[in-house]
Amino acid sequence: MNFRHAGCCAVLVSLVFAASAVADTTVSVSPAGLGPWQSVVSDTHGNFVTNTDATVSWGVNPPGAPLGTGSVTLDTGTEHGDSAPQLVDQALAGTQLAALKTLSYSTLGTLIAGPNLQGQLPYLVLTLDLNGDGTEDDSIVFEPIYQHGYRSDLPDQGAIQTDVWQNWDALHGGWWSFSGNLAGASPGFGVKSIPQILAAACLLPLEDTQDRASHRYGMRHRAALSISSQTDAIVIVVSEETQAISIASSGRIIGGLDEERLRRVLSSLLRSRIQPLPFRSKAS
């Protein structure tokens, strides 16, 4: 699984960000030279906007910063988050998510808002290409608010605070996906670790099959068709959305099966594949 770009956005904060993949490299940026980073502001629909008082600005670090001499301030302005200031980095496009060795950043929040006033700080968004075709398939999000008090199986990174630098270990934290289909990762108690998301995103090869309607199926059914077309396996598929049962065999799919019909179809397919043992007479 590759990711296409990394971004972050949030309320009025100062931000220091660091990530590395297989090779350790250091990229220094300044207001005059942002390197691979771009600063933009988008609306709630993700469209870039300019007629807003939300800003991305650079300056000297507030005291106590853990890295470098400068930081970036993301200010949502008077629209309180309806306009999202962001930093976007395309330099790591094509990097395998599993190849990341570190993914962390630090924040200093001066204004805490968000749902129930629990707080919203800069969050990371990784846009993913799941099948290597160069197009966006899904995105996963790391939010500091979900790193404390939600999942006991993930590191507790502490509650959000104001006027103090906090470090966030995104590589080992909890993420949710835009689609909700990657390991069922969802905001709040549904956040999942990157290894869990990687395991859920593993795709079987989706080859052309004899079933002319295969383009209408989702990934689960298409994978079942592919397996059955490349092997002699008989694959039972249960729809995630409707719980409908189907059987894939020899590159074709039989759907709409209840328990009784499932038994009959499965028995018929299995009988058709049982080859009788050759009869050998004993030599006299």
C-alpha atoms as a PDB file:
ATOM      1  CA  MET A   1       0.000   0.000   0.000  1.00  0.00           C
ATOM      2  CA  ASN A   2       1.468   3.334  -1.061  1.00  0.00           C
ATOM      3  CA  PHE A   3       0.490   6.764   0.129  1.00  0.00           C
ATOM      4  CA  ARG A   4       0.100   9.602  -2.308  1.00  0.00           C
ATOM      5  CA  HIS A   5       0.513  12.623  -0.047  1.00  0.00           C
ATOM      6  CA  ALA A   6       0.617  13.690   3.556  1.00  0.00           C
ATOM      7  CA  GLY A   7      -1.223  16.654   4.980  1.00  0.00           C
ATOM      8  CA  CYS A   8      -2.194  18.226   8.253  1.00  0.00           C
ATOM      9  CA  CYS A   9      -4.649  20.864   9.348  1.00  0.00           C
ATOM     10  CA  ALA A  10      -6.305  22.173  12.490  1.00  0.00           C
ATOM     11  CA  VAL A  11      -6.854  25.116  14.845  1.00  0.00           C
ATOM     12  CA  LEU A  12      -4.462  27.837  15.949  1.00  0.00           C
ATOM     13  CA  VAL A  13      -1.259  25.948  16.733  1.00  0.00           C
ATOM     14  CA  SER A  14       2.429  25.842  16.135  1.00  0.00           C
ATOM     15  CA  LEU A  15       3.593  22.639  14.490  1.00  0.00           C
ATOM     16  CA  VAL A  16       6.862  20.753  14.026  1.00  0.00           C
ATOM     17  CA  PHE A  17       6.689  17.656  11.826  1.00  0.00           C
ATOM     18  CA  ALA A  18       9.118  14.793  11.125  1.00  0.00           C
ATOM     19  CA  ALA A  19       8.895  11.574   9.139  1.00  0.00           C
ATOM     20  CA  SER A  20      11.314   9.119   7.605  1.00  0.00           C
ATOM     21  CA  ALA A  21      11.051   6.059   5.423  1.00  0.00           C
ATOM     22  CA  VAL A  22      13.683   3.438   4.698  1.00  0.00           C
ATOM     23  CA  ALA A  23      16.522   5.915   4.169  1.00  0.00           C
ATOM     24  CA  ASP A  24      17.145   8.541   6.846  1.00  0.00           C
ATOM     25  CA  THR A  25      17.069  11.990   5.287  1.00  0.00           C
ATOM     26  CA  THR A  26      16.738  15.459   6.730  1.00  0.00           C
ATOM     27  CA  VAL A  27      14.918  18.184   4.816  1.00  0.00           C
ATOM     28  CA  SER A  28      15.262  21.697   6.206  1.00  0.00           C
ATOM     29  CA  VAL A  29      12.558  24.182   5.291  1.00  0.00           C
ATOM     30  CA  SER A  30      12.101  27.911   5.808  1.00  0.00           C
ATOM     31  CA  PRO A  31       9.482  30.508   4.881  1.00  0.00           C
ATOM     32  CA  ALA A  32      11.563  31.281   1.788  1.00  0.00           C
ATOM     33  CA  GLY A  33      11.982  27.640   0.807  1.00  0.00           C
ATOM     34  CA  LEU A  34       9.317  25.114   1.847  1.00  0.00           C
ATOM     35  CA  GLY A  35      10.911  22.283  -0.116  1.00  0.00           C
ATOM     36  CA  PRO A  36       8.297  19.574  -0.767  1.00  0.00           C
ATOM     37  CA  TRP A  37       5.665  21.263   1.399  1.00  0.00           C
ATOM     38  CA  GLN A  38       2.819  23.447   0.167  1.00  0.00           C
ATOM     39  CA  SER A  39       0.581  25.608   2.338  1.00  0.00           C
ATOM     40  CA  VAL A  40      -3.083  25.795   1.366  1.00  0.00           C
ATOM     41  CA  VAL A  41      -6.482  26.516   2.905  1.00  0.00           C
ATOM     42  CA  SER A  42      -9.545  24.428   2.046  1.00  0.00           C
ATOM     43  CA  ASP A  43     -13.237  24.585   2.885  1.00  0.00           C
ATOM     44  CA  THR A  44     -15.305  21.840   4.508  1.00  0.00           C
ATOM     45  CA  HIS A  45     -15.662  20.114   1.113  1.00  0.00           C
ATOM     46  CA  GLY A  46     -11.913  20.018   0.497  1.00  0.00           C
ATOM     47  CA  ASN A  47     -11.898  22.793  -2.106  1.00  0.00           C
ATOM     48  CA  PHE A  48      -8.973  25.217  -1.939  1.00  0.00           C
ATOM     49  CA  VAL A  49     -10.071  28.750  -1.005  1.00  0.00           C
ATOM     50  CA  THR A  50      -8.434  32.171  -0.817  1.00  0.00           C
ATOM     51  CA  ASN A  51     -11.275  34.406   0.416  1.00  0.00           C
ATOM     52  CA  THR A  52     -10.749  33.526   4.076  1.00  0.00           C
ATOM     53  CA  ASP A  53      -8.866  34.852   7.076  1.00  0.00           C
ATOM     54  CA  ALA A  54      -7.558  31.357   7.868  1.00  0.00           C
ATOM     55  CA  THR A  55      -3.779  31.409   7.456  1.00  0.00           C
ATOM     56  CA  VAL A  56      -0.597  29.362   7.376  1.00  0.00           C
ATOM     57  CA  SER A  57       2.376  31.343   8.691  1.00  0.00           C
ATOM     58  CA  TRP A  58       5.964  30.669   9.730  1.00  0.00           C
ATOM     59  CA  GLY A  59       8.020  32.052  12.588  1.00  0.00           C
ATOM     60  CA  VAL A  60      10.449  31.427  15.423  1.00  0.00           C
ATOM     61  CA  ASN A  61       9.490  28.581  17.709  1.00  0.00           C
ATOM     62  CA  PRO A  62       7.713  29.347  20.966  1.00  0.00           C
ATOM     63  CA  PRO A  63       9.906  28.286  23.923  1.00  0.00           C
ATOM     64  CA  GLY A  64      10.361  24.573  24.465  1.00  0.00           C
ATOM     65  CA  ALA A  65      10.057  23.402  20.844  1.00  0.00           C
ATOM     66  CA  PRO A  66      11.579  19.916  20.421  1.00  0.00           C
ATOM     67  CA  LEU A  67      13.013  20.353  16.924  1.00  0.00           C
ATOM     68  CA  GLY A  68      14.588  23.083  14.792  1.00  0.00           C
ATOM     69  CA  THR A  69      14.412  26.832  15.235  1.00  0.00           C
ATOM     70  CA  GLY A  70      11.115  27.616  13.544  1.00  0.00           C
ATOM     71  CA  SER A  71       7.552  26.344  13.364  1.00  0.00           C
ATOM     72  CA  VAL A  72       4.408  26.816  11.333  1.00  0.00           C
ATOM     73  CA  THR A  73       1.205  28.304  12.741  1.00  0.00           C
ATOM     74  CA  LEU A  74      -2.140  27.065  11.444  1.00  0.00           C
ATOM     75  CA  ASP A  75      -4.887  29.585  12.224  1.00  0.00           C
ATOM     76  CA  THR A  76      -8.486  28.732  11.302  1.00  0.00           C
ATOM     77  CA  GLY A  77      -9.499  32.374  11.669  1.00  0.00           C
ATOM     78  CA  THR A  78     -13.000  33.557  12.495  1.00  0.00           C
ATOM     79  CA  GLU A  79     -14.688  30.628  10.742  1.00  0.00           C
ATOM     80  CA  HIS A  80     -13.557  28.290  13.546  1.00  0.00           C
ATOM     81  CA  GLY A  81     -12.499  25.384  11.391  1.00  0.00           C
ATOM     82  CA  ASP A  82     -14.882  25.759   8.442  1.00  0.00           C
ATOM     83  CA  SER A  83     -11.721  26.817   6.625  1.00  0.00           C
ATOM     84  CA  ALA A  84      -8.822  24.458   7.224  1.00  0.00           C
ATOM     85  CA  PRO A  85      -5.227  25.671   6.874  1.00  0.00           C
ATOM     86  CA  GLN A  86      -3.027  22.831   5.715  1.00  0.00           C
ATOM     87  CA  LEU A  87       0.465  21.716   4.857  1.00  0.00           C
ATOM     88  CA  VAL A  88       0.630  19.211   1.994  1.00  0.00           C
ATOM     89  CA  ASP A  89       3.686  17.125   1.095  1.00  0.00           C
ATOM     90  CA  GLN A  90       3.903  15.159  -2.168  1.00  0.00           C
ATOM     91  CA  ALA A  91       7.552  14.150  -1.755  1.00  0.00           C
ATOM     92  CA  LEU A  92       6.753  10.774  -0.208  1.00  0.00           C
ATOM     93  CA  ALA A  93       4.265   9.792  -2.906  1.00  0.00           C
ATOM     94  CA  GLY A  94       4.751   6.138  -3.815  1.00  0.00           C
ATOM     95  CA  THR A  95       6.331   5.254  -0.464  1.00  0.00           C
ATOM     96  CA  GLN A  96       5.121   2.009   1.037  1.00  0.00           C
ATOM     97  CA  LEU A  97       3.254   2.702   4.257  1.00  0.00           C
ATOM     98  CA  ALA A  98       4.973  -0.302   5.830  1.00  0.00           C
ATOM     99  CA  ALA A  99       8.385   1.254   5.035  1.00  0.00           C
ATOM    100  CA  LEU A 100       7.936   4.184   7.419  1.00  0.00           C
ATOM    101  CA  LYS A 101      10.304   4.029  10.380  1.00  0.00           C
ATOM    102  CA  THR A 102       9.119   7.194  12.149  1.00  0.00           C
ATOM    103  CA  LEU A 103       6.077   9.418  11.797  1.00  0.00           C
ATOM    104  CA  SER A 104       5.738  12.053  14.478  1.00  0.00           C
ATOM    105  CA  TYR A 105       5.050  15.721  15.046  1.00  0.00           C
ATOM    106  CA  SER A 106       4.776  18.226  17.868  1.00  0.00           C
ATOM    107  CA  THR A 107       2.115  20.836  18.571  1.00  0.00           C
ATOM    108  CA  LEU A 108       1.542  23.783  20.810  1.00  0.00           C
ATOM    109  CA  GLY A 109      -2.139  24.700  20.980  1.00  0.00           C
ATOM    110  CA  THR A 110      -3.257  28.131  22.127  1.00  0.00           C
ATOM    111  CA  LEU A 111      -6.978  27.628  21.543  1.00  0.00           C
ATOM    112  CA  ILE A 112      -8.848  24.419  22.232  1.00  0.00           C
ATOM    113  CA  ALA A 113     -12.175  23.898  20.533  1.00  0.00           C
ATOM    114  CA  GLY A 114     -13.731  20.902  18.812  1.00  0.00           C
ATOM    115  CA  PRO A 115     -16.560  18.526  19.815  1.00  0.00           C
ATOM    116  CA  ASN A 116     -17.684  19.060  23.413  1.00  0.00           C
ATOM    117  CA  LEU A 117     -14.686  21.378  23.833  1.00  0.00           C
ATOM    118  CA  GLN A 118     -12.461  18.294  24.060  1.00  0.00           C
ATOM    119  CA  GLY A 119      -9.993  19.849  21.678  1.00  0.00           C
ATOM    120  CA  GLN A 120      -8.799  19.669  18.122  1.00  0.00           C
ATOM    121  CA  LEU A 121      -5.143  19.891  17.198  1.00  0.00           C
ATOM    122  CA  PRO A 122      -3.385  19.379  13.848  1.00  0.00           C
ATOM    123  CA  TYR A 123      -4.094  15.952  12.468  1.00  0.00           C
ATOM    124  CA  LEU A 124      -2.354  13.924   9.779  1.00  0.00           C
ATOM    125  CA  VAL A 125      -4.040  12.678   6.620  1.00  0.00           C
ATOM    126  CA  LEU A 126      -2.312  10.051   4.464  1.00  0.00           C
ATOM    127  CA  THR A 127      -3.917   9.500   1.082  1.00  0.00           C
ATOM    128  CA  LEU A 128      -3.532   5.873   0.021  1.00  0.00           C
ATOM    129  CA  ASP A 129      -3.199   4.043  -3.276  1.00  0.00           C
ATOM    130  CA  LEU A 130      -4.215   0.522  -2.303  1.00  0.00           C
ATOM    131  CA  ASN A 131      -3.697  -1.284  -5.597  1.00  0.00           C
ATOM    132  CA  GLY A 132      -0.786   0.577  -7.180  1.00  0.00           C
ATOM    133  CA  ASP A 133      -2.737   2.096 -10.063  1.00  0.00           C
ATOM    134  CA  GLY A 134      -1.727   5.660  -9.182  1.00  0.00           C
ATOM    135  CA  THR A 135      -5.176   6.819  -8.075  1.00  0.00           C
ATOM    136  CA  GLU A 136      -6.534   7.681  -4.634  1.00  0.00           C
ATOM    137  CA  ASP A 137      -8.423   4.789  -3.019  1.00  0.00           C
ATOM    138  CA  ASP A 138      -8.796   5.892   0.601  1.00  0.00           C
ATOM    139  CA  SER A 139      -7.270   8.123   3.280  1.00  0.00           C
ATOM    140  CA  ILE A 140      -6.390   7.473   6.906  1.00  0.00           C
ATOM    141  CA  VAL A 141      -6.381  10.117   9.640  1.00  0.00           C
ATOM    142  CA  PHE A 142      -4.404  10.453  12.870  1.00  0.00           C
ATOM    143  CA  GLU A 143      -6.015  12.815  15.399  1.00  0.00           C
ATOM    144  CA  PRO A 144      -4.456  13.649  18.797  1.00  0.00           C
ATOM    145  CA  ILE A 145      -7.889  13.732  20.434  1.00  0.00           C
ATOM    146  CA  TYR A 146      -8.255   9.963  19.933  1.00  0.00           C
ATOM    147  CA  GLN A 147      -4.855   9.050  21.421  1.00  0.00           C
ATOM    148  CA  HIS A 148      -6.004   9.275  25.048  1.00  0.00           C
ATOM    149  CA  GLY A 149      -8.827   7.408  26.763  1.00  0.00           C
ATOM    150  CA  TYR A 150     -10.133   5.521  23.745  1.00  0.00           C
ATOM    151  CA  ARG A 151      -8.126   2.346  23.121  1.00  0.00           C
ATOM    152  CA  SER A 152      -6.252   0.384  25.773  1.00  0.00           C
ATOM    153  CA  ASP A 153      -4.355  -1.622  23.128  1.00  0.00           C
ATOM    154  CA  LEU A 154      -2.679   1.510  21.732  1.00  0.00           C
ATOM    155  CA  PRO A 155      -0.158   3.793  23.457  1.00  0.00           C
ATOM    156  CA  ASP A 156      -1.820   6.453  25.618  1.00  0.00           C
ATOM    157  CA  GLN A 157      -0.262   9.717  24.465  1.00  0.00           C
ATOM    158  CA  GLY A 158      -1.954  11.957  26.996  1.00  0.00           C
ATOM    159  CA  ALA A 159      -4.777  14.470  26.975  1.00  0.00           C
ATOM    160  CA  ILE A 160      -4.655  17.588  24.828  1.00  0.00           C
ATOM    161  CA  GLN A 161      -3.268  20.623  26.657  1.00  0.00           C
ATOM    162  CA  THR A 162      -2.892  24.312  25.880  1.00  0.00           C
ATOM    163  CA  ASP A 163       0.271  26.439  25.873  1.00  0.00           C
ATOM    164  CA  VAL A 164       2.609  23.467  26.097  1.00  0.00           C
ATOM    165  CA  TRP A 165       4.472  21.512  23.412  1.00  0.00           C
ATOM    166  CA  GLN A 166       3.173  17.969  22.972  1.00  0.00           C
ATOM    167  CA  ASN A 167       4.732  15.188  20.939  1.00  0.00           C
ATOM    168  CA  TRP A 168       2.542  12.822  18.908  1.00  0.00           C
ATOM    169  CA  ASP A 169       3.778   9.420  17.756  1.00  0.00           C
ATOM    170  CA  ALA A 170       1.546   8.841  14.753  1.00  0.00           C
ATOM    171  CA  LEU A 171       3.372   5.696  13.627  1.00  0.00           C
ATOM    172  CA  HIS A 172       2.262   3.828  16.743  1.00  0.00           C
ATOM    173  CA  GLY A 173      -1.027   5.666  17.313  1.00  0.00           C
ATOM    174  CA  GLY A 174      -4.637   5.109  16.310  1.00  0.00           C
ATOM    175  CA  TRP A 175      -5.991   6.007  12.850  1.00  0.00           C
ATOM    176  CA  TRP A 176      -9.393   6.083  11.200  1.00  0.00           C
ATOM    177  CA  SER A 177     -10.180   5.816   7.499  1.00  0.00           C
ATOM    178  CA  PHE A 178     -12.416   7.965   5.325  1.00  0.00           C
ATOM    179  CA  SER A 179     -14.244   4.903   4.014  1.00  0.00           C
ATOM    180  CA  GLY A 180     -14.345   2.963   7.270  1.00  0.00           C
ATOM    181  CA  ASN A 181     -13.495  -0.130   5.227  1.00  0.00           C
ATOM    182  CA  LEU A 182      -9.866  -0.489   6.344  1.00  0.00           C
ATOM    183  CA  ALA A 183     -10.059  -2.781   9.372  1.00  0.00           C
ATOM    184  CA  GLY A 184     -13.294  -0.969  10.258  1.00  0.00           C
ATOM    185  CA  ALA A 185     -11.212   2.012  11.352  1.00  0.00           C
ATOM    186  CA  SER A 186     -13.510   4.818  12.494  1.00  0.00           C
ATOM    187  CA  PRO A 187     -13.185   7.928  14.690  1.00  0.00           C
ATOM    188  CA  GLY A 188     -13.138   7.542  18.472  1.00  0.00           C
ATOM    189  CA  PHE A 189     -13.159   4.009  19.871  1.00  0.00           C
ATOM    190  CA  GLY A 190     -12.842   2.599  16.356  1.00  0.00           C
ATOM    191  CA  VAL A 191      -9.321   3.869  15.629  1.00  0.00           C
ATOM    192  CA  LYS A 192      -6.866   1.182  14.530  1.00  0.00           C
ATOM    193  CA  SER A 193      -3.095   0.828  14.366  1.00  0.00           C
ATOM    194  CA  ILE A 194      -1.178   1.022  11.097  1.00  0.00           C
ATOM    195  CA  PRO A 195      -0.364  -2.745  11.213  1.00  0.00           C
ATOM    196  CA  GLN A 196      -4.085  -3.490  11.537  1.00  0.00           C
ATOM    197  CA  ILE A 197      -4.849  -1.214   8.584  1.00  0.00           C
ATOM    198  CA  LEU A 198      -2.058  -2.773   6.526  1.00  0.00           C
ATOM    199  CA  ALA A 199      -3.436  -6.258   7.207  1.00  0.00           C
ATOM    200  CA  ALA A 200      -6.940  -5.185   6.178  1.00  0.00           C
ATOM    201  CA  ALA A 201      -5.682  -3.489   3.013  1.00  0.00           C
ATOM    202  CA  CYS A 202      -3.998  -6.586   1.593  1.00  0.00           C
ATOM    203  CA  LEU A 203      -5.636  -7.276  -1.753  1.00  0.00           C
ATOM    204  CA  LEU A 204      -5.753 -10.495  -3.695  1.00  0.00           C
ATOM    205  CA  PRO A 205      -5.082 -10.182  -7.441  1.00  0.00           C
ATOM    206  CA  LEU A 206      -8.222  -9.149  -9.309  1.00  0.00           C
ATOM    207  CA  GLU A 207      -7.869 -10.881 -12.654  1.00  0.00           C
ATOM    208  CA  ASP A 208     -10.368 -10.926 -15.507  1.00  0.00           C
ATOM    209  CA  THR A 209     -12.900 -13.710 -15.004  1.00  0.00           C
ATOM    210  CA  GLN A 210     -15.590 -15.466 -16.999  1.00  0.00           C
ATOM    211  CA  ASP A 211     -18.283 -13.581 -15.098  1.00  0.00           C
ATOM    212  CA  ARG A 212     -19.295 -10.684 -17.344  1.00  0.00           C
ATOM    213  CA  ALA A 213     -20.942  -8.894 -14.416  1.00  0.00           C
ATOM    214  CA  SER A 214     -17.760  -8.886 -12.312  1.00  0.00           C
ATOM    215  CA  HIS A 215     -17.389  -5.093 -12.692  1.00  0.00           C
ATOM    216  CA  ARG A 216     -20.512  -4.661 -10.589  1.00  0.00           C
ATOM    217  CA  TYR A 217     -19.046  -6.464  -7.596  1.00  0.00           C
ATOM    218  CA  GLY A 218     -17.040  -5.041  -4.723  1.00  0.00           C
ATOM    219  CA  MET A 219     -13.492  -6.041  -3.831  1.00  0.00           C
ATOM    220  CA  ARG A 220     -14.566  -9.004  -1.706  1.00  0.00           C
ATOM    221  CA  HIS A 221     -16.576 -10.665  -4.472  1.00  0.00           C
ATOM    222  CA  ARG A 222     -14.034  -9.798  -7.169  1.00  0.00           C
ATOM    223  CA  ALA A 223     -11.269 -11.385  -5.090  1.00  0.00           C
ATOM    224  CA  ALA A 224     -13.421 -14.521  -4.687  1.00  0.00           C
ATOM    225  CA  LEU A 225     -13.942 -14.654  -8.463  1.00  0.00           C
ATOM    226  CA  SER A 226     -10.214 -14.246  -9.023  1.00  0.00           C
ATOM    227  CA  ILE A 227      -9.279 -17.017  -6.589  1.00  0.00           C
ATOM    228  CA  SER A 228     -11.798 -19.415  -8.108  1.00  0.00           C
ATOM    229  CA  SER A 229     -10.612 -18.641 -11.641  1.00  0.00           C
ATOM    230  CA  GLN A 230      -6.939 -19.242 -10.830  1.00  0.00           C
ATOM    231  CA  THR A 231      -7.361 -22.287  -8.576  1.00  0.00           C
ATOM    232  CA  ASP A 232      -9.787 -25.150  -8.116  1.00  0.00           C
ATOM    233  CA  ALA A 233     -11.083 -23.593  -4.893  1.00  0.00           C
ATOM    234  CA  ILE A 234     -14.780 -23.083  -4.200  1.00  0.00           C
ATOM    235  CA  VAL A 235     -15.176 -19.748  -2.390  1.00  0.00           C
ATOM    236  CA  ILE A 236     -18.087 -18.802  -0.123  1.00  0.00           C
ATOM    237  CA  VAL A 237     -18.588 -15.033   0.126  1.00  0.00           C
ATOM    238  CA  VAL A 238     -20.747 -13.099   2.595  1.00  0.00           C
ATOM    239  CA  SER A 239     -21.577  -9.498   1.665  1.00  0.00           C
ATOM    240  CA  GLU A 240     -20.476  -6.951   4.259  1.00  0.00           C
ATOM    241  CA  GLU A 241     -23.421  -4.683   3.444  1.00  0.00           C
ATOM    242  CA  THR A 242     -26.334  -7.117   2.987  1.00  0.00           C
ATOM    243  CA  GLN A 243     -24.990 -10.378   4.492  1.00  0.00           C
ATOM    244  CA  ALA A 244     -26.123 -12.102   1.285  1.00  0.00           C
ATOM    245  CA  ILE A 245     -24.334 -15.393   0.586  1.00  0.00           C
ATOM    246  CA  SER A 246     -22.686 -16.238  -2.745  1.00  0.00           C
ATOM    247  CA  ILE A 247     -20.433 -18.982  -4.088  1.00  0.00           C
ATOM    248  CA  ALA A 248     -17.621 -18.395  -6.567  1.00  0.00           C
ATOM    249  CA  SER A 249     -16.424 -21.331  -8.643  1.00  0.00           C
ATOM    250  CA  SER A 250     -14.352 -21.521 -11.842  1.00  0.00           C
ATOM    251  CA  GLY A 251     -14.493 -17.757 -12.318  1.00  0.00           C
ATOM    252  CA  ARG A 252     -18.268 -17.521 -11.972  1.00  0.00           C
ATOM    253  CA  ILE A 253     -20.436 -16.456  -9.047  1.00  0.00           C
ATOM    254  CA  ILE A 254     -23.771 -17.821  -7.843  1.00  0.00           C
ATOM    255  CA  GLY A 255     -25.651 -15.402  -5.601  1.00  0.00           C
ATOM    256  CA  GLY A 256     -28.855 -15.122  -3.607  1.00  0.00           C
ATOM    257  CA  LEU A 257     -28.267 -18.309  -1.612  1.00  0.00           C
ATOM    258  CA  ASP A 258     -30.194 -19.222   1.495  1.00  0.00           C
ATOM    259  CA  GLU A 259     -29.012 -22.025   3.791  1.00  0.00           C
ATOM    260  CA  GLU A 260     -30.756 -24.816   1.920  1.00  0.00           C
ATOM    261  CA  ARG A 261     -29.678 -23.689  -1.554  1.00  0.00           C
ATOM    262  CA  LEU A 262     -26.141 -23.115  -0.287  1.00  0.00           C
ATOM    263  CA  ARG A 263     -26.014 -26.762   0.811  1.00  0.00           C
ATOM    264  CA  ARG A 264     -27.341 -28.006  -2.538  1.00  0.00           C
ATOM    265  CA  VAL A 265     -25.019 -25.871  -4.693  1.00  0.00           C
ATOM    266  CA  LEU A 266     -21.979 -26.653  -2.564  1.00  0.00           C
ATOM    267  CA  SER A 267     -22.724 -30.394  -2.577  1.00  0.00           C
ATOM    268  CA  SER A 268     -23.206 -30.359  -6.356  1.00  0.00           C
ATOM    269  CA  LEU A 269     -19.940 -28.514  -6.962  1.00  0.00           C
ATOM    270  CA  LEU A 270     -18.000 -30.814  -4.654  1.00  0.00           C
ATOM    271  CA  ARG A 271     -19.468 -33.967  -6.238  1.00  0.00           C
ATOM    272  CA  SER A 272     -18.536 -32.724  -9.706  1.00  0.00           C
ATOM    273  CA  ARG A 273     -14.909 -32.409  -8.641  1.00  0.00           C
ATOM    274  CA  ILE A 274     -14.527 -35.822  -7.034  1.00  0.00           C
ATOM    275  CA  GLN A 275     -12.729 -38.098  -9.479  1.00  0.00           C
ATOM    276  CA  PRO A 276     -13.187 -41.840  -8.938  1.00  0.00           C
ATOM    277  CA  LEU A 277     -10.010 -43.771  -8.214  1.00  0.00           C
ATOM    278  CA  PRO A 278      -8.857 -45.946 -11.087  1.00  0.00           C
ATOM    279  CA  PHE A 279      -9.752 -49.640 -10.635  1.00  0.00           C
ATOM    280  CA  ARG A 280      -6.865 -52.016 -10.667  1.00  0.00           C
ATOM    281  CA  SER A 281      -7.353 -55.765 -10.788  1.00  0.00           C
ATOM    282  CA  LYS A 282      -4.959 -57.980  -8.949  1.00  0.00           C
ATOM    283  CA  ALA A 283      -2.624 -59.976 -11.095  1.00  0.00           C
ATOM    284  CA  SER A 284      -3.524 -63.628 -11.104  1.00  0.00           C
END
